[in-house]
Amino acid sequence: MFELLVKGNTLPEAYHNALSALYENNEELPCSDYNTNQKEASVTFVVEKPLEEPMISKLFIGDPRSLEQYRQEMLDGILDFEVARGNWEYTYHQRMEKQIPWIIEELKRNPDSRRAVIVVRNEADMETESPACLQILQFMIRAGALHLKVVFRSNDATKATFMNAYALVMLQKRIAETLDMPIGTYTHRAHSFHVYERDYDMFDGYIKRIKSGGALAYYYDGDWDEQMEEAKPEIAKMVEELKNR
């Protein structure tokens, strides 16, 4: 199995380097749980400056509204009620919520701590067909900055990874602000970084755009942040409609 490590200054640069590494070094093999094939490798990508612009990848199938909704789902739990209703088995926010205050207190207690770890996986994942992909998050203060290291057991490279990484960087930013310190590096580890057969053409298209050398990222500040802000009332309306069903 290929074991790959790439870096990038910005989030899009690191993500695009991860896509390129997977394209050049992968094994094509069955994914029997979903009755398909996949191209797969184990990939770690490191973002040196997660908040540096341009911050939004153009190789991302969503739009400002979908990215803002996903951020709110992970950081604020806007759809956690679906778990209580039995419609969903879990949300990342629901699994992380009670651990975050402890993370903050632990890092205040000892800024050198190696114990500030959130565990997302739990026993329920042994009994479901949809276990959590995100497994652990470790927050570490080093050289006066808050670094975040995450581990995914499985990560869809073309459709999920960028949204996952963006939302987790926003969580890192929120905790860093609570601790009144700058954000450090973001490290994203996927034991199975993969592309499903149905998305091979999309993957080929992404790589073609990367190799073309054109601009592949949008600015967040003054562009996407404004569009994401404008999407908030529509998202809130959608959430209320779901609650009232």
C-alpha atoms as a PDB file:
ATOM      1  CA  MET A   1       0.000   0.000   0.000  1.00  0.00           C
ATOM      2  CA  PHE A   2       1.385   3.405  -0.955  1.00  0.00           C
ATOM      3  CA  GLU A   3       2.306   5.674   1.975  1.00  0.00           C
ATOM      4  CA  LEU A   4       2.406   9.311   0.852  1.00  0.00           C
ATOM      5  CA  LEU A   5       3.340  12.586   2.559  1.00  0.00           C
ATOM      6  CA  VAL A   6       2.846  16.005   0.949  1.00  0.00           C
ATOM      7  CA  LYS A   7       2.850  19.597   2.154  1.00  0.00           C
ATOM      8  CA  GLY A   8       1.516  22.936   1.036  1.00  0.00           C
ATOM      9  CA  ASN A   9       1.598  26.503   2.236  1.00  0.00           C
ATOM     10  CA  THR A  10      -2.173  26.985   1.900  1.00  0.00           C
ATOM     11  CA  LEU A  11      -5.084  24.584   2.312  1.00  0.00           C
ATOM     12  CA  PRO A  12      -5.804  24.384  -1.447  1.00  0.00           C
ATOM     13  CA  GLU A  13      -2.123  23.868  -2.274  1.00  0.00           C
ATOM     14  CA  ALA A  14      -1.775  20.995   0.199  1.00  0.00           C
ATOM     15  CA  TYR A  15      -5.054  19.426  -0.948  1.00  0.00           C
ATOM     16  CA  HIS A  16      -4.077  19.649  -4.614  1.00  0.00           C
ATOM     17  CA  ASN A  17      -0.681  18.124  -3.839  1.00  0.00           C
ATOM     18  CA  ALA A  18      -2.477  15.259  -2.085  1.00  0.00           C
ATOM     19  CA  LEU A  19      -4.671  14.680  -5.145  1.00  0.00           C
ATOM     20  CA  SER A  20      -1.622  14.670  -7.404  1.00  0.00           C
ATOM     21  CA  ALA A  21       0.222  12.248  -5.136  1.00  0.00           C
ATOM     22  CA  LEU A  22      -2.755   9.874  -5.143  1.00  0.00           C
ATOM     23  CA  TYR A  23      -3.031  10.092  -8.931  1.00  0.00           C
ATOM     24  CA  GLU A  24       0.615   9.150  -9.395  1.00  0.00           C
ATOM     25  CA  ASN A  25       0.758   6.498  -6.649  1.00  0.00           C
ATOM     26  CA  ASN A  26      -2.336   4.378  -6.132  1.00  0.00           C
ATOM     27  CA  GLU A  27      -3.599   0.843  -6.183  1.00  0.00           C
ATOM     28  CA  GLU A  28      -6.872   0.061  -7.928  1.00  0.00           C
ATOM     29  CA  LEU A  29      -8.771  -2.523  -5.938  1.00  0.00           C
ATOM     30  CA  PRO A  30     -12.292  -3.610  -5.017  1.00  0.00           C
ATOM     31  CA  CYS A  31     -14.379  -1.794  -2.448  1.00  0.00           C
ATOM     32  CA  SER A  32     -16.792  -4.623  -1.718  1.00  0.00           C
ATOM     33  CA  ASP A  33     -18.828  -2.792   0.945  1.00  0.00           C
ATOM     34  CA  TYR A  34     -20.126  -0.499  -1.796  1.00  0.00           C
ATOM     35  CA  ASN A  35     -19.949  -2.918  -4.734  1.00  0.00           C
ATOM     36  CA  THR A  36     -17.462  -0.799  -6.683  1.00  0.00           C
ATOM     37  CA  ASN A  37     -13.758  -0.275  -7.305  1.00  0.00           C
ATOM     38  CA  GLN A  38     -11.475   2.442  -5.995  1.00  0.00           C
ATOM     39  CA  LYS A  39      -8.045   3.991  -6.394  1.00  0.00           C
ATOM     40  CA  GLU A  40      -6.436   4.157  -2.966  1.00  0.00           C
ATOM     41  CA  ALA A  41      -3.347   5.140  -0.987  1.00  0.00           C
ATOM     42  CA  SER A  42      -2.560   6.212   2.563  1.00  0.00           C
ATOM     43  CA  VAL A  43      -1.982   9.966   2.471  1.00  0.00           C
ATOM     44  CA  THR A  44      -0.902  12.630   4.930  1.00  0.00           C
ATOM     45  CA  PHE A  45      -0.988  16.269   3.908  1.00  0.00           C
ATOM     46  CA  VAL A  46       0.321  19.150   5.981  1.00  0.00           C
ATOM     47  CA  VAL A  47      -0.936  22.724   5.645  1.00  0.00           C
ATOM     48  CA  GLU A  48       1.727  25.126   6.853  1.00  0.00           C
ATOM     49  CA  LYS A  49      -0.524  28.227   7.006  1.00  0.00           C
ATOM     50  CA  PRO A  50      -4.176  27.102   7.097  1.00  0.00           C
ATOM     51  CA  LEU A  51      -5.661  30.615   7.112  1.00  0.00           C
ATOM     52  CA  GLU A  52      -3.451  32.053   4.383  1.00  0.00           C
ATOM     53  CA  GLU A  53      -5.162  33.172   1.170  1.00  0.00           C
ATOM     54  CA  PRO A  54      -6.319  32.024  -1.264  1.00  0.00           C
ATOM     55  CA  MET A  55      -8.092  29.579   1.015  1.00  0.00           C
ATOM     56  CA  ILE A  56     -10.869  27.933  -1.027  1.00  0.00           C
ATOM     57  CA  SER A  57     -10.079  25.231  -3.587  1.00  0.00           C
ATOM     58  CA  LYS A  58     -11.729  25.443  -6.986  1.00  0.00           C
ATOM     59  CA  LEU A  59     -11.530  21.636  -7.070  1.00  0.00           C
ATOM     60  CA  PHE A  60     -14.491  21.427  -4.742  1.00  0.00           C
ATOM     61  CA  ILE A  61     -17.931  20.380  -5.982  1.00  0.00           C
ATOM     62  CA  GLY A  62     -19.865  22.543  -3.511  1.00  0.00           C
ATOM     63  CA  ASP A  63     -20.724  26.220  -3.303  1.00  0.00           C
ATOM     64  CA  PRO A  64     -20.593  28.878  -0.543  1.00  0.00           C
ATOM     65  CA  ARG A  65     -23.920  27.768   0.918  1.00  0.00           C
ATOM     66  CA  SER A  66     -22.974  24.067   1.128  1.00  0.00           C
ATOM     67  CA  LEU A  67     -19.619  24.914   2.697  1.00  0.00           C
ATOM     68  CA  GLU A  68     -21.235  27.220   5.270  1.00  0.00           C
ATOM     69  CA  GLN A  69     -23.868  24.610   6.085  1.00  0.00           C
ATOM     70  CA  TYR A  70     -21.183  21.965   6.582  1.00  0.00           C
ATOM     71  CA  ARG A  71     -19.186  24.326   8.817  1.00  0.00           C
ATOM     72  CA  GLN A  72     -22.283  24.916  10.946  1.00  0.00           C
ATOM     73  CA  GLU A  73     -23.048  21.203  11.092  1.00  0.00           C
ATOM     74  CA  MET A  74     -19.582  20.369  12.405  1.00  0.00           C
ATOM     75  CA  LEU A  75     -18.971  23.367  14.665  1.00  0.00           C
ATOM     76  CA  ASP A  76     -22.474  24.283  15.845  1.00  0.00           C
ATOM     77  CA  GLY A  77     -24.475  21.075  15.510  1.00  0.00           C
ATOM     78  CA  ILE A  78     -27.336  22.595  13.520  1.00  0.00           C
ATOM     79  CA  LEU A  79     -28.557  19.123  12.481  1.00  0.00           C
ATOM     80  CA  ASP A  80     -27.850  17.202  15.689  1.00  0.00           C
ATOM     81  CA  PHE A  81     -31.608  16.884  16.217  1.00  0.00           C
ATOM     82  CA  GLU A  82     -31.652  14.332  13.404  1.00  0.00           C
ATOM     83  CA  VAL A  83     -29.758  11.959  15.714  1.00  0.00           C
ATOM     84  CA  ALA A  84     -32.303  12.385  18.508  1.00  0.00           C
ATOM     85  CA  ARG A  85     -35.073  11.631  16.014  1.00  0.00           C
ATOM     86  CA  GLY A  86     -33.333   8.468  14.899  1.00  0.00           C
ATOM     87  CA  ASN A  87     -32.853   9.675  11.330  1.00  0.00           C
ATOM     88  CA  TRP A  88     -29.055   9.800  11.617  1.00  0.00           C
ATOM     89  CA  GLU A  89     -26.776   7.600  13.667  1.00  0.00           C
ATOM     90  CA  TYR A  90     -24.426  10.427  14.640  1.00  0.00           C
ATOM     91  CA  THR A  91     -22.962  13.785  13.676  1.00  0.00           C
ATOM     92  CA  TYR A  92     -19.357  14.793  14.191  1.00  0.00           C
ATOM     93  CA  HIS A  93     -20.504  17.700  16.354  1.00  0.00           C
ATOM     94  CA  GLN A  94     -22.593  15.414  18.556  1.00  0.00           C
ATOM     95  CA  ARG A  95     -19.577  13.135  19.076  1.00  0.00           C
ATOM     96  CA  MET A  96     -17.162  16.032  19.766  1.00  0.00           C
ATOM     97  CA  GLU A  97     -19.280  18.568  21.633  1.00  0.00           C
ATOM     98  CA  LYS A  98     -18.691  17.395  25.210  1.00  0.00           C
ATOM     99  CA  GLN A  99     -14.966  16.885  24.650  1.00  0.00           C
ATOM    100  CA  ILE A 100     -14.126  20.367  23.362  1.00  0.00           C
ATOM    101  CA  PRO A 101     -14.426  22.218  26.727  1.00  0.00           C
ATOM    102  CA  TRP A 102     -12.058  19.654  28.244  1.00  0.00           C
ATOM    103  CA  ILE A 103      -9.589  20.199  25.375  1.00  0.00           C
ATOM    104  CA  ILE A 104      -9.526  23.918  26.118  1.00  0.00           C
ATOM    105  CA  GLU A 105      -9.078  23.403  29.854  1.00  0.00           C
ATOM    106  CA  GLU A 106      -6.353  20.811  29.321  1.00  0.00           C
ATOM    107  CA  LEU A 107      -4.369  23.167  27.093  1.00  0.00           C
ATOM    108  CA  LYS A 108      -4.792  25.971  29.616  1.00  0.00           C
ATOM    109  CA  ARG A 109      -3.598  23.617  32.366  1.00  0.00           C
ATOM    110  CA  ASN A 110      -0.539  22.535  30.463  1.00  0.00           C
ATOM    111  CA  PRO A 111       0.344  24.221  27.139  1.00  0.00           C
ATOM    112  CA  ASP A 112       2.879  21.422  26.550  1.00  0.00           C
ATOM    113  CA  SER A 113       0.203  18.734  26.874  1.00  0.00           C
ATOM    114  CA  ARG A 114       0.043  15.738  24.567  1.00  0.00           C
ATOM    115  CA  ARG A 115      -3.298  14.690  26.052  1.00  0.00           C
ATOM    116  CA  ALA A 116      -5.661  17.088  24.244  1.00  0.00           C
ATOM    117  CA  VAL A 117      -7.237  14.416  22.060  1.00  0.00           C
ATOM    118  CA  ILE A 118     -10.841  14.129  20.867  1.00  0.00           C
ATOM    119  CA  VAL A 119     -11.935  10.576  20.051  1.00  0.00           C
ATOM    120  CA  VAL A 120     -14.775  10.494  17.518  1.00  0.00           C
ATOM    121  CA  ARG A 121     -15.084   6.742  17.094  1.00  0.00           C
ATOM    122  CA  ASN A 122     -17.129   4.924  19.709  1.00  0.00           C
ATOM    123  CA  GLU A 123     -18.629   1.492  20.338  1.00  0.00           C
ATOM    124  CA  ALA A 124     -21.668   2.224  18.183  1.00  0.00           C
ATOM    125  CA  ASP A 125     -19.389   2.180  15.134  1.00  0.00           C
ATOM    126  CA  MET A 126     -18.920  -1.559  15.575  1.00  0.00           C
ATOM    127  CA  GLU A 127     -22.616  -2.142  14.976  1.00  0.00           C
ATOM    128  CA  THR A 128     -23.427   0.136  12.050  1.00  0.00           C
ATOM    129  CA  GLU A 129     -22.937   0.086   8.307  1.00  0.00           C
ATOM    130  CA  SER A 130     -21.947   3.773   8.424  1.00  0.00           C
ATOM    131  CA  PRO A 131     -19.177   4.134  11.026  1.00  0.00           C
ATOM    132  CA  ALA A 132     -17.547   7.526  11.489  1.00  0.00           C
ATOM    133  CA  CYS A 133     -14.766   8.268   8.997  1.00  0.00           C
ATOM    134  CA  LEU A 134     -13.092  10.848  11.251  1.00  0.00           C
ATOM    135  CA  GLN A 135     -11.405   9.033  14.135  1.00  0.00           C
ATOM    136  CA  ILE A 136      -9.338  11.388  16.294  1.00  0.00           C
ATOM    137  CA  LEU A 137      -8.245  15.019  16.589  1.00  0.00           C
ATOM    138  CA  GLN A 138      -5.178  16.046  18.573  1.00  0.00           C
ATOM    139  CA  PHE A 139      -4.555  19.680  19.501  1.00  0.00           C
ATOM    140  CA  MET A 140      -0.991  20.643  20.397  1.00  0.00           C
ATOM    141  CA  ILE A 141       0.516  23.986  21.399  1.00  0.00           C
ATOM    142  CA  ARG A 142       4.046  24.303  20.110  1.00  0.00           C
ATOM    143  CA  ALA A 143       6.101  27.485  19.626  1.00  0.00           C
ATOM    144  CA  GLY A 144       3.156  29.566  20.797  1.00  0.00           C
ATOM    145  CA  ALA A 145       0.689  28.335  18.169  1.00  0.00           C
ATOM    146  CA  LEU A 146      -2.176  25.795  18.175  1.00  0.00           C
ATOM    147  CA  HIS A 147      -1.557  22.903  15.796  1.00  0.00           C
ATOM    148  CA  LEU A 148      -4.198  20.330  14.823  1.00  0.00           C
ATOM    149  CA  LYS A 149      -3.564  16.763  13.681  1.00  0.00           C
ATOM    150  CA  VAL A 150      -6.501  14.636  12.507  1.00  0.00           C
ATOM    151  CA  VAL A 151      -6.881  10.998  11.477  1.00  0.00           C
ATOM    152  CA  PHE A 152      -9.514   9.624   9.101  1.00  0.00           C
ATOM    153  CA  ARG A 153      -9.916   5.888   8.653  1.00  0.00           C
ATOM    154  CA  SER A 154     -11.433   6.613   5.206  1.00  0.00           C
ATOM    155  CA  ASN A 155     -11.653   9.793   3.132  1.00  0.00           C
ATOM    156  CA  ASP A 156     -13.271  10.404  -0.269  1.00  0.00           C
ATOM    157  CA  ALA A 157     -10.570  12.461  -1.996  1.00  0.00           C
ATOM    158  CA  THR A 158     -12.712  14.155  -4.638  1.00  0.00           C
ATOM    159  CA  LYS A 159     -15.966  14.785  -2.780  1.00  0.00           C
ATOM    160  CA  ALA A 160     -15.331  15.021   0.965  1.00  0.00           C
ATOM    161  CA  THR A 161     -11.735  15.882   1.819  1.00  0.00           C
ATOM    162  CA  PHE A 162     -11.736  19.612   1.154  1.00  0.00           C
ATOM    163  CA  MET A 163     -14.973  20.206   3.088  1.00  0.00           C
ATOM    164  CA  ASN A 164     -13.685  18.064   5.968  1.00  0.00           C
ATOM    165  CA  ALA A 165     -10.391  19.931   6.124  1.00  0.00           C
ATOM    166  CA  TYR A 166     -11.961  23.380   5.836  1.00  0.00           C
ATOM    167  CA  ALA A 167     -14.424  22.752   8.678  1.00  0.00           C
ATOM    168  CA  LEU A 168     -11.712  21.273  10.902  1.00  0.00           C
ATOM    169  CA  VAL A 169      -9.465  24.277  10.271  1.00  0.00           C
ATOM    170  CA  MET A 170     -12.404  26.486  11.335  1.00  0.00           C
ATOM    171  CA  LEU A 171     -12.659  24.433  14.553  1.00  0.00           C
ATOM    172  CA  GLN A 172      -8.907  24.849  15.063  1.00  0.00           C
ATOM    173  CA  LYS A 173      -9.324  28.606  14.556  1.00  0.00           C
ATOM    174  CA  ARG A 174     -12.196  28.787  17.057  1.00  0.00           C
ATOM    175  CA  ILE A 175     -10.223  26.998  19.764  1.00  0.00           C
ATOM    176  CA  ALA A 176      -7.094  29.055  19.048  1.00  0.00           C
ATOM    177  CA  GLU A 177      -9.124  32.237  19.485  1.00  0.00           C
ATOM    178  CA  THR A 178     -10.522  30.934  22.777  1.00  0.00           C
ATOM    179  CA  LEU A 179      -6.949  30.334  23.917  1.00  0.00           C
ATOM    180  CA  ASP A 180      -5.893  33.738  22.549  1.00  0.00           C
ATOM    181  CA  MET A 181      -3.133  32.373  20.351  1.00  0.00           C
ATOM    182  CA  PRO A 182      -2.369  32.060  16.633  1.00  0.00           C
ATOM    183  CA  ILE A 183      -3.224  29.027  14.565  1.00  0.00           C
ATOM    184  CA  GLY A 184      -0.402  26.672  13.670  1.00  0.00           C
ATOM    185  CA  THR A 185      -0.183  23.856  11.128  1.00  0.00           C
ATOM    186  CA  TYR A 186      -3.017  21.559  10.132  1.00  0.00           C
ATOM    187  CA  THR A 187      -2.138  17.908   9.439  1.00  0.00           C
ATOM    188  CA  HIS A 188      -4.687  15.661   7.719  1.00  0.00           C
ATOM    189  CA  ARG A 189      -4.084  11.907   7.736  1.00  0.00           C
ATOM    190  CA  ALA A 190      -6.272   9.495   5.737  1.00  0.00           C
ATOM    191  CA  HIS A 191      -5.421   5.798   6.039  1.00  0.00           C
ATOM    192  CA  SER A 192      -7.616   5.179   2.977  1.00  0.00           C
ATOM    193  CA  PHE A 193      -7.486   8.251   0.735  1.00  0.00           C
ATOM    194  CA  HIS A 194      -9.534   7.077  -2.194  1.00  0.00           C
ATOM    195  CA  VAL A 195     -11.533   7.833  -5.324  1.00  0.00           C
ATOM    196  CA  TYR A 196     -14.487   5.634  -6.254  1.00  0.00           C
ATOM    197  CA  GLU A 197     -14.799   4.328  -9.809  1.00  0.00           C
ATOM    198  CA  ARG A 198     -17.854   6.493 -10.492  1.00  0.00           C
ATOM    199  CA  ASP A 199     -15.659   9.562  -9.880  1.00  0.00           C
ATOM    200  CA  TYR A 200     -12.631   8.594 -11.995  1.00  0.00           C
ATOM    201  CA  ASP A 201     -13.548  11.112 -14.708  1.00  0.00           C
ATOM    202  CA  MET A 202     -13.888  13.867 -12.120  1.00  0.00           C
ATOM    203  CA  PHE A 203     -10.520  12.891 -10.659  1.00  0.00           C
ATOM    204  CA  ASP A 204      -8.902  12.973 -14.113  1.00  0.00           C
ATOM    205  CA  GLY A 205     -10.402  16.417 -14.662  1.00  0.00           C
ATOM    206  CA  TYR A 206      -9.015  17.698 -11.360  1.00  0.00           C
ATOM    207  CA  ILE A 207      -5.533  16.472 -12.230  1.00  0.00           C
ATOM    208  CA  LYS A 208      -5.720  18.006 -15.700  1.00  0.00           C
ATOM    209  CA  ARG A 209      -6.544  21.372 -14.135  1.00  0.00           C
ATOM    210  CA  ILE A 210      -3.710  21.021 -11.607  1.00  0.00           C
ATOM    211  CA  LYS A 211      -1.221  20.232 -14.369  1.00  0.00           C
ATOM    212  CA  SER A 212      -2.441  23.175 -16.463  1.00  0.00           C
ATOM    213  CA  GLY A 213      -0.892  25.564 -13.945  1.00  0.00           C
ATOM    214  CA  GLY A 214      -3.917  27.864 -13.807  1.00  0.00           C
ATOM    215  CA  ALA A 215      -5.312  29.564 -10.714  1.00  0.00           C
ATOM    216  CA  LEU A 216      -7.073  26.913  -8.658  1.00  0.00           C
ATOM    217  CA  ALA A 217      -8.222  28.767  -5.547  1.00  0.00           C
ATOM    218  CA  TYR A 218     -10.670  31.473  -4.519  1.00  0.00           C
ATOM    219  CA  TYR A 219     -10.095  34.104  -1.878  1.00  0.00           C
ATOM    220  CA  TYR A 220     -12.107  33.543   1.281  1.00  0.00           C
ATOM    221  CA  ASP A 221     -11.731  37.051   2.697  1.00  0.00           C
ATOM    222  CA  GLY A 222     -13.925  39.493   0.818  1.00  0.00           C
ATOM    223  CA  ASP A 223     -15.430  36.867  -1.487  1.00  0.00           C
ATOM    224  CA  TRP A 224     -16.487  33.487  -0.134  1.00  0.00           C
ATOM    225  CA  ASP A 225     -16.887  34.751   3.424  1.00  0.00           C
ATOM    226  CA  GLU A 226     -19.452  37.296   2.208  1.00  0.00           C
ATOM    227  CA  GLN A 227     -21.311  34.709   0.149  1.00  0.00           C
ATOM    228  CA  MET A 228     -21.303  32.285   3.075  1.00  0.00           C
ATOM    229  CA  GLU A 229     -22.653  35.024   5.344  1.00  0.00           C
ATOM    230  CA  GLU A 230     -25.428  35.749   2.849  1.00  0.00           C
ATOM    231  CA  ALA A 231     -26.369  32.046   2.871  1.00  0.00           C
ATOM    232  CA  LYS A 232     -26.985  31.939   6.638  1.00  0.00           C
ATOM    233  CA  PRO A 233     -30.683  33.014   6.598  1.00  0.00           C
ATOM    234  CA  GLU A 234     -31.502  30.391   3.966  1.00  0.00           C
ATOM    235  CA  ILE A 235     -29.680  27.718   5.979  1.00  0.00           C
ATOM    236  CA  ALA A 236     -31.526  28.759   9.155  1.00  0.00           C
ATOM    237  CA  LYS A 237     -34.851  28.536   7.305  1.00  0.00           C
ATOM    238  CA  MET A 238     -33.984  25.051   6.048  1.00  0.00           C
ATOM    239  CA  VAL A 239     -33.109  23.919   9.580  1.00  0.00           C
ATOM    240  CA  GLU A 240     -36.402  25.229  10.980  1.00  0.00           C
ATOM    241  CA  GLU A 241     -38.371  23.501   8.240  1.00  0.00           C
ATOM    242  CA  LEU A 242     -36.630  20.209   9.039  1.00  0.00           C
ATOM    243  CA  LYS A 243     -37.344  20.629  12.759  1.00  0.00           C
ATOM    244  CA  ASN A 244     -41.040  21.276  12.095  1.00  0.00           C
ATOM    245  CA  ARG A 245     -41.627  18.239   9.916  1.00  0.00           C
END
